[in-house]
């Protein structure tokens, strides 16, 4: 617990240091970008592995459906054949490395949440008069950037794409209206960072596939 408190104090100290020069609102933006950049080696690796996995799964859909149809009445044999197909293409049911990497990112994301939830009383930023209170326009912006972040992934299943974009966006708006605007500023900034990272990763993977540097 003492380590966690020290981590929170470190983030708050960073926010206060940056805010002394640019104000708290912009300090949240800059600190978010700084922390997201600090964990970029981890988040990039996860995004890259996830992108390749998604493309492999998309390509395997006909074979997966054929297995499902063929062994519909034989679940044990279906699982055996499924494991064999996954192994043939270097896939696993659970990507342990990506899961571990996601857990490593959690302290940064939760630390920002903990640091910002009571920050910004009486502080204005852009059109927001008090960063400690929720703001409807900023909450909507959080929802829009969530939709942007989700739609940046071209490999979302077509039949579920609208739902997978719309539902998180609505949830983002609802949550943003429950918490302070400081958290919404963080959320918007982080969403934009994630969207840019997703677009970049997919562009690099597509180029590597096209030039023969990566086989799916």
Protein backbone atom coordinates (compact mmCIF):
# COMPACT_ATOMS: atom_id res chain seq x y z
CA UNK A 1 0.00 0.00 0.00
CA UNK A 2 2.89 2.39 0.79
CA UNK A 3 4.31 1.75 -2.68
CA UNK A 4 0.96 2.61 -4.24
CA UNK A 5 0.69 5.83 -2.20
CA UNK A 6 4.23 6.75 -3.25
CA UNK A 7 3.28 6.17 -6.89
CA UNK A 8 0.20 8.37 -6.58
CA UNK A 9 2.26 11.10 -4.93
CA UNK A 10 4.80 10.87 -7.75
CA UNK A 11 2.11 11.39 -10.40
CA UNK A 12 0.54 14.23 -8.43
CA UNK A 13 3.96 15.82 -7.99
CA UNK A 14 4.53 15.57 -11.74
CA UNK A 15 1.13 17.15 -12.42
CA UNK A 16 1.82 19.99 -10.01
CA UNK A 17 5.28 20.61 -11.46
CA UNK A 18 4.02 20.76 -15.04
CA UNK A 19 0.97 22.83 -14.06
CA UNK A 20 3.16 25.53 -12.52
CA UNK A 21 4.22 26.46 -16.03
CA UNK A 22 1.19 25.71 -18.21
CA UNK A 23 -1.81 25.39 -15.90
CA UNK A 24 -3.50 22.25 -14.59
CA UNK A 25 -5.65 21.53 -17.65
CA UNK A 26 -2.75 21.43 -20.08
CA UNK A 27 -0.65 19.69 -17.41
CA UNK A 28 -3.13 16.77 -17.47
CA UNK A 29 -2.76 16.55 -21.25
CA UNK A 30 1.05 16.69 -21.16
CA UNK A 31 1.37 14.28 -18.22
CA UNK A 32 -0.96 11.82 -19.94
CA UNK A 33 1.15 11.98 -23.11
CA UNK A 34 4.33 11.59 -21.07
CA UNK A 35 3.09 8.52 -19.20
CA UNK A 36 1.59 6.93 -22.32
CA UNK A 37 4.92 7.49 -24.08
CA UNK A 38 6.77 5.93 -21.13
CA UNK A 39 4.79 2.70 -21.46
CA UNK A 40 4.83 2.80 -25.27
CA UNK A 41 7.32 -0.10 -25.58
CA UNK A 42 4.81 -2.29 -23.73
CA UNK A 43 1.60 -0.97 -25.33
CA UNK A 44 3.17 -1.03 -28.81
CA UNK A 45 4.22 -4.66 -28.40
CA UNK A 46 0.71 -5.62 -27.26
CA UNK A 47 -0.91 -3.70 -30.12
CA UNK A 48 1.47 -5.22 -32.68
CA UNK A 49 0.89 -8.78 -31.47
CA UNK A 50 -2.84 -8.14 -31.30
CA UNK A 51 -2.91 -6.79 -34.84
CA UNK A 52 -1.14 -9.85 -36.23
CA UNK A 53 -3.40 -12.16 -34.23
CA UNK A 54 -6.53 -10.41 -35.52
CA UNK A 55 -5.37 -10.69 -39.12
CA UNK A 56 -4.56 -14.37 -38.68
CA UNK A 57 -7.96 -15.01 -37.11
CA UNK A 58 -9.71 -13.14 -39.93
CA UNK A 59 -7.88 -15.22 -42.51
CA UNK A 60 -8.72 -18.45 -40.66
CA UNK A 61 -12.45 -17.75 -40.38
CA UNK A 62 -13.45 -20.09 -43.25
CA UNK A 63 -11.42 -22.95 -41.73
CA UNK A 64 -12.73 -22.24 -38.24
CA UNK A 65 -16.31 -22.26 -39.49
CA UNK A 66 -15.68 -25.49 -41.41
CA UNK A 67 -14.35 -27.16 -38.25
CA UNK A 68 -17.33 -25.93 -36.27
CA UNK A 69 -19.77 -27.30 -38.82
CA UNK A 70 -17.94 -30.60 -39.29
CA UNK A 71 -17.58 -31.41 -35.60
CA UNK A 72 -20.76 -29.78 -34.29
CA UNK A 73 -21.78 -33.03 -32.59
CA UNK A 74 -18.27 -33.97 -31.44
CA UNK A 75 -17.03 -31.25 -29.06
CA UNK A 76 -13.94 -33.18 -27.90
CA UNK A 77 -12.79 -33.82 -31.44
CA UNK A 78 -13.61 -30.23 -32.38
CA UNK A 79 -11.37 -28.88 -29.62
CA UNK A 80 -8.57 -31.26 -30.66
CA UNK A 81 -8.75 -30.10 -34.28
CA UNK A 82 -9.05 -26.48 -33.19
CA UNK A 83 -5.89 -26.70 -31.08
CA UNK A 84 -4.09 -28.29 -34.02
CA UNK A 85 -5.20 -25.48 -36.36
CA UNK A 86 -4.16 -22.82 -33.87
CA UNK A 87 -0.78 -24.48 -33.35
CA UNK A 88 -0.20 -24.72 -37.10
CA UNK A 89 -0.56 -20.95 -37.42
CA UNK A 90 1.33 -20.03 -34.23
CA UNK A 91 -1.79 -19.05 -32.30
CA UNK A 92 -2.85 -19.81 -28.75
CA UNK A 93 -6.25 -19.63 -27.10
CA UNK A 94 -4.94 -17.04 -24.64
CA UNK A 95 -2.08 -14.66 -25.46
CA UNK A 96 -0.23 -14.77 -22.16
CA UNK A 97 2.39 -12.19 -23.13
CA UNK A 98 -0.23 -9.63 -24.11
CA UNK A 99 -2.19 -10.31 -20.93
CA UNK A 100 0.93 -9.83 -18.81
CA UNK A 101 1.76 -6.63 -20.70
CA UNK A 102 -1.73 -5.28 -20.05
CA UNK A 103 -1.29 -5.92 -16.34
CA UNK A 104 2.00 -4.00 -16.39
CA UNK A 105 0.17 -0.97 -17.83
CA UNK A 106 -2.51 -1.00 -15.14
CA UNK A 107 -0.56 0.93 -12.46
CA UNK A 108 -0.06 3.86 -14.84
CA UNK A 109 -3.69 4.02 -15.90
CA UNK A 110 -5.11 3.46 -12.41
CA UNK A 111 -2.56 5.87 -10.95
CA UNK A 112 -3.77 8.66 -13.23
CA UNK A 113 -7.38 7.86 -12.34
CA UNK A 114 -6.61 7.98 -8.61
CA UNK A 115 -4.57 11.17 -8.94
CA UNK A 116 -7.16 13.09 -10.96
CA UNK A 117 -10.46 12.14 -9.37
CA UNK A 118 -10.17 14.82 -6.69
CA UNK A 119 -8.05 17.30 -8.64
CA UNK A 120 -8.98 20.59 -10.26
CA UNK A 121 -11.33 22.31 -7.83
CA UNK A 122 -11.88 25.86 -9.07
CA UNK A 123 -9.51 25.32 -12.01
CA UNK A 124 -10.79 26.15 -15.50
CA UNK A 125 -9.65 24.70 -18.81
CA UNK A 126 -10.94 25.63 -22.24
CA UNK A 127 -14.73 26.05 -21.76
CA UNK A 128 -14.81 24.03 -18.50
CA UNK A 129 -15.07 26.32 -15.49
CA UNK A 130 -14.29 23.72 -12.82
CA UNK A 131 -12.26 20.59 -13.56
CA UNK A 132 -13.56 18.96 -10.37
CA UNK A 133 -17.10 18.86 -11.78
CA UNK A 134 -18.40 16.91 -14.79
CA UNK A 135 -19.08 18.73 -18.04
CA UNK A 136 -21.59 17.52 -20.65
CA UNK A 137 -19.68 18.72 -23.71
CA UNK A 138 -16.43 17.18 -22.49
CA UNK A 139 -18.24 13.94 -21.65
CA UNK A 140 -19.60 13.80 -25.20
CA UNK A 141 -16.11 14.49 -26.51
CA UNK A 142 -14.87 11.55 -24.40
CA UNK A 143 -17.49 9.40 -26.10
CA UNK A 144 -16.54 10.65 -29.56
CA UNK A 145 -12.83 9.97 -29.00
CA UNK A 146 -13.70 6.51 -27.65
CA UNK A 147 -15.55 5.84 -30.91
CA UNK A 148 -12.53 7.17 -32.82
CA UNK A 149 -10.20 4.87 -30.89
CA UNK A 150 -12.38 1.81 -31.53
CA UNK A 151 -13.03 2.58 -35.21
CA UNK A 152 -9.27 2.98 -35.80
CA UNK A 153 -9.07 -0.81 -35.73
CA UNK A 154 -9.96 -2.06 -39.25
CA UNK A 155 -10.08 -5.69 -38.11
CA UNK A 156 -13.18 -5.44 -35.93
CA UNK A 157 -15.71 -8.09 -37.03
CA UNK A 158 -18.07 -6.46 -39.54
CA UNK A 159 -21.18 -8.00 -38.00
CA UNK A 160 -20.25 -6.62 -34.58
CA UNK A 161 -18.39 -3.46 -35.60
CA UNK A 162 -21.20 -0.98 -34.92
CA UNK A 163 -21.95 -2.45 -31.49
CA UNK A 164 -18.26 -2.63 -30.53
CA UNK A 165 -17.89 1.07 -31.37
CA UNK A 166 -21.21 2.37 -30.08
CA UNK A 167 -21.45 0.58 -26.71
CA UNK A 168 -18.03 1.66 -25.31
CA UNK A 169 -18.72 5.21 -26.52
CA UNK A 170 -22.03 5.40 -24.65
CA UNK A 171 -20.41 3.92 -21.55
CA UNK A 172 -17.65 6.54 -21.80
CA UNK A 173 -20.18 9.37 -21.86
CA UNK A 174 -22.09 7.95 -18.87
CA UNK A 175 -18.94 7.44 -16.81
CA UNK A 176 -17.55 10.87 -17.74
CA UNK A 177 -20.75 12.46 -16.43
CA UNK A 178 -20.25 10.67 -13.10
CA UNK A 179 -16.70 11.86 -12.50
CA UNK A 180 -14.78 15.11 -12.66
CA UNK A 181 -13.80 16.85 -15.90
CA UNK A 182 -10.12 16.35 -15.09
CA UNK A 183 -10.63 12.63 -15.72
CA UNK A 184 -12.43 13.41 -18.98
CA UNK A 185 -9.44 15.47 -20.15
CA UNK A 186 -7.20 12.51 -19.38
CA UNK A 187 -9.59 10.12 -21.12
CA UNK A 188 -9.83 12.22 -24.29
CA UNK A 189 -6.04 12.59 -24.49
CA UNK A 190 -5.43 8.90 -23.88
CA UNK A 191 -8.06 7.90 -26.45
CA UNK A 192 -6.41 10.08 -29.11
CA UNK A 193 -3.01 8.60 -28.28
CA UNK A 194 -4.43 5.07 -28.59
CA UNK A 195 -6.14 5.86 -31.90
CA UNK A 196 -2.91 7.18 -33.42
CA UNK A 197 -1.00 4.15 -32.12
CA UNK A 198 -3.60 1.75 -33.59
CA UNK A 199 -3.56 3.42 -37.02
CA UNK A 200 0.26 3.39 -37.05
CA UNK A 201 0.56 -0.26 -35.98
CA UNK A 202 -1.92 -1.44 -38.62
CA UNK A 203 -0.21 0.62 -41.31
CA UNK A 204 3.18 -0.93 -40.46
CA UNK A 205 1.76 -4.47 -40.37
CA UNK A 206 0.00 -3.97 -43.72
CA UNK A 207 3.19 -2.66 -45.28
CA UNK A 208 5.24 -5.59 -43.93
CA UNK A 209 2.69 -8.05 -45.30
CA UNK A 210 2.63 -6.31 -48.68
CA UNK A 211 6.43 -6.27 -48.99
CA UNK A 212 6.78 -9.87 -47.83
CA UNK A 213 8.47 -9.01 -44.54
CA UNK A 214 5.65 -10.64 -42.60
CA UNK A 215 3.64 -13.71 -43.45
CA UNK A 216 0.16 -14.17 -42.02
